[in-house]
Amino acid sequence: MVKLGHKGEGLAVKYLKRRGYRIIQRNFKTSMGEIDIIARDRETLVFIEVKTRESLEYGQPFESVTRAKRRKIANVATLFLKKLRDVPQCRFDIVSICHKKGKPEVDLIRDAFEI
């Protein structure tokens, strides 16, 4: 499962870069949790959760970002923002990746949730 997650994050980074995102950090970890990707989309700081699945047997990948997971991401994002002098405009995106017939299908959900 870890390999699938790392592979998904790599695909997500390539996908986001093609869309103009500038990657700031991958796997920002604290004792409270982790944010997969932190990036800039123009002037907006974006905290990105990546979910990857090999099939839709258990639903769309993004559906696994529960309320508790969103709260955890928001708490970790707050810790990241405390390190900055000026707090920029922020948002939370989800990159949802599902392998269909051996080929990854990538979907970006911009502004997926608020805190």
Protein backbone atom coordinates (compact mmCIF):
# COMPACT_ATOMS: atom_id res chain seq x y z
CA MET A 1 0.00 0.00 0.00
CA VAL A 2 2.87 2.35 0.78
CA LYS A 3 4.30 1.85 -2.70
CA LEU A 4 0.94 2.68 -4.26
CA GLY A 5 0.73 5.86 -2.17
CA HIS A 6 4.23 7.01 -3.14
CA LYS A 7 3.55 6.25 -6.78
CA GLY A 8 0.31 8.24 -6.55
CA GLU A 9 2.08 11.22 -4.99
CA GLY A 10 4.64 11.17 -7.81
CA LEU A 11 1.86 11.15 -10.41
CA ALA A 12 0.11 13.96 -8.53
CA VAL A 13 3.25 16.13 -8.52
CA LYS A 14 3.69 15.71 -12.29
CA TYR A 15 -0.01 16.43 -12.86
CA LEU A 16 0.06 19.56 -10.68
CA LYS A 17 3.24 20.92 -12.28
CA ARG A 18 1.68 20.58 -15.74
CA ARG A 19 -1.17 22.75 -14.45
CA GLY A 20 1.15 25.47 -13.19
CA TYR A 21 1.41 24.56 -9.53
CA ARG A 22 4.80 25.21 -7.93
CA ILE A 23 5.63 22.48 -5.43
CA ILE A 24 6.95 23.85 -2.14
CA GLN A 25 7.16 20.71 -0.04
CA ARG A 26 6.20 17.05 -0.10
CA ASN A 27 5.27 15.02 2.96
CA PHE A 28 5.19 17.81 5.54
CA LYS A 29 5.10 15.84 8.79
CA THR A 30 4.31 16.83 12.35
CA SER A 31 3.32 14.86 15.43
CA MET A 32 -0.29 15.63 14.47
CA GLY A 33 -0.13 14.18 10.97
CA GLU A 34 1.08 14.80 7.46
CA ILE A 35 0.20 16.84 4.39
CA ASP A 36 1.12 15.08 1.16
CA ILE A 37 1.92 18.16 -0.95
CA ILE A 38 2.14 21.88 -0.27
CA ALA A 39 2.20 24.01 -3.40
CA ARG A 40 1.52 27.44 -4.84
CA ASP A 41 -1.16 28.01 -7.43
CA ARG A 42 -0.36 31.57 -8.44
CA GLU A 43 -0.70 33.56 -5.18
CA THR A 44 -2.62 30.86 -3.30
CA LEU A 45 -0.95 28.41 -0.95
CA VAL A 46 -2.50 24.98 -1.51
CA PHE A 47 -2.49 22.02 0.88
CA ILE A 48 -3.04 18.88 -1.17
CA GLU A 49 -4.16 15.43 -0.07
CA VAL A 50 -3.44 12.62 -2.54
CA LYS A 51 -5.59 9.49 -2.53
CA THR A 52 -4.76 6.56 -4.81
CA ARG A 53 -6.64 3.32 -5.39
CA GLU A 54 -6.19 0.39 -7.71
CA SER A 55 -9.93 0.05 -8.37
CA LEU A 56 -13.29 1.60 -7.57
CA GLU A 57 -14.35 -1.43 -5.54
CA TYR A 58 -14.47 0.71 -2.37
CA GLY A 59 -15.56 3.95 -4.05
CA GLN A 60 -13.73 6.94 -5.47
CA PRO A 61 -10.37 7.68 -3.84
CA PHE A 62 -11.43 11.18 -2.73
CA GLU A 63 -14.32 9.69 -0.77
CA SER A 64 -11.85 8.38 1.80
CA VAL A 65 -11.02 11.94 2.90
CA THR A 66 -13.37 11.88 5.87
CA ARG A 67 -14.33 14.72 8.17
CA ALA A 68 -11.73 13.50 10.69
CA LYS A 69 -9.04 13.40 7.98
CA ARG A 70 -9.96 16.92 6.82
CA ARG A 71 -9.71 18.19 10.41
CA LYS A 72 -6.29 16.56 10.79
CA ILE A 73 -5.07 18.12 7.53
CA ALA A 74 -6.36 21.51 8.65
CA ASN A 75 -4.55 21.21 11.99
CA VAL A 76 -1.27 20.33 10.28
CA ALA A 77 -1.78 23.20 7.81
CA THR A 78 -2.22 25.58 10.75
CA LEU A 79 1.16 24.47 12.13
CA PHE A 80 2.76 25.10 8.73
CA LEU A 81 1.17 28.57 8.50
CA LYS A 82 2.51 29.51 11.96
CA LYS A 83 6.02 29.29 10.49
CA LEU A 84 5.24 32.01 7.94
CA ARG A 85 5.54 35.73 8.52
CA ASP A 86 2.63 36.63 6.28
CA VAL A 87 -0.31 34.25 5.97
CA PRO A 88 -1.30 33.97 2.31
CA GLN A 89 -4.65 33.02 0.83
CA CYS A 90 -4.99 29.24 1.26
CA ARG A 91 -7.12 26.38 0.06
CA PHE A 92 -7.33 22.61 0.30
CA ASP A 93 -7.29 20.44 -2.83
CA ILE A 94 -7.54 16.70 -3.29
CA VAL A 95 -5.85 14.74 -6.07
CA SER A 96 -7.82 11.54 -6.61
CA ILE A 97 -6.09 8.79 -8.60
CA CYS A 98 -7.67 5.51 -9.67
CA HIS A 99 -5.99 2.93 -11.84
CA LYS A 100 -8.48 1.80 -14.48
CA LYS A 101 -7.38 -1.00 -16.76
CA GLY A 102 -3.81 -0.45 -15.61
CA LYS A 103 -3.83 3.25 -16.50
CA PRO A 104 -4.02 5.97 -13.82
CA GLU A 105 -6.92 8.38 -14.06
CA VAL A 106 -6.15 11.62 -12.19
CA ASP A 107 -8.79 14.07 -10.98
CA LEU A 108 -8.12 17.35 -9.21
CA ILE A 109 -10.72 18.63 -6.79
CA ARG A 110 -9.91 22.27 -6.20
CA ASP A 111 -11.12 23.90 -3.01
CA ALA A 112 -12.27 20.46 -1.82
CA PHE A 113 -13.04 21.59 1.72
CA GLU A 114 -12.77 24.51 4.12
CA ILE A 115 -11.67 24.77 7.71
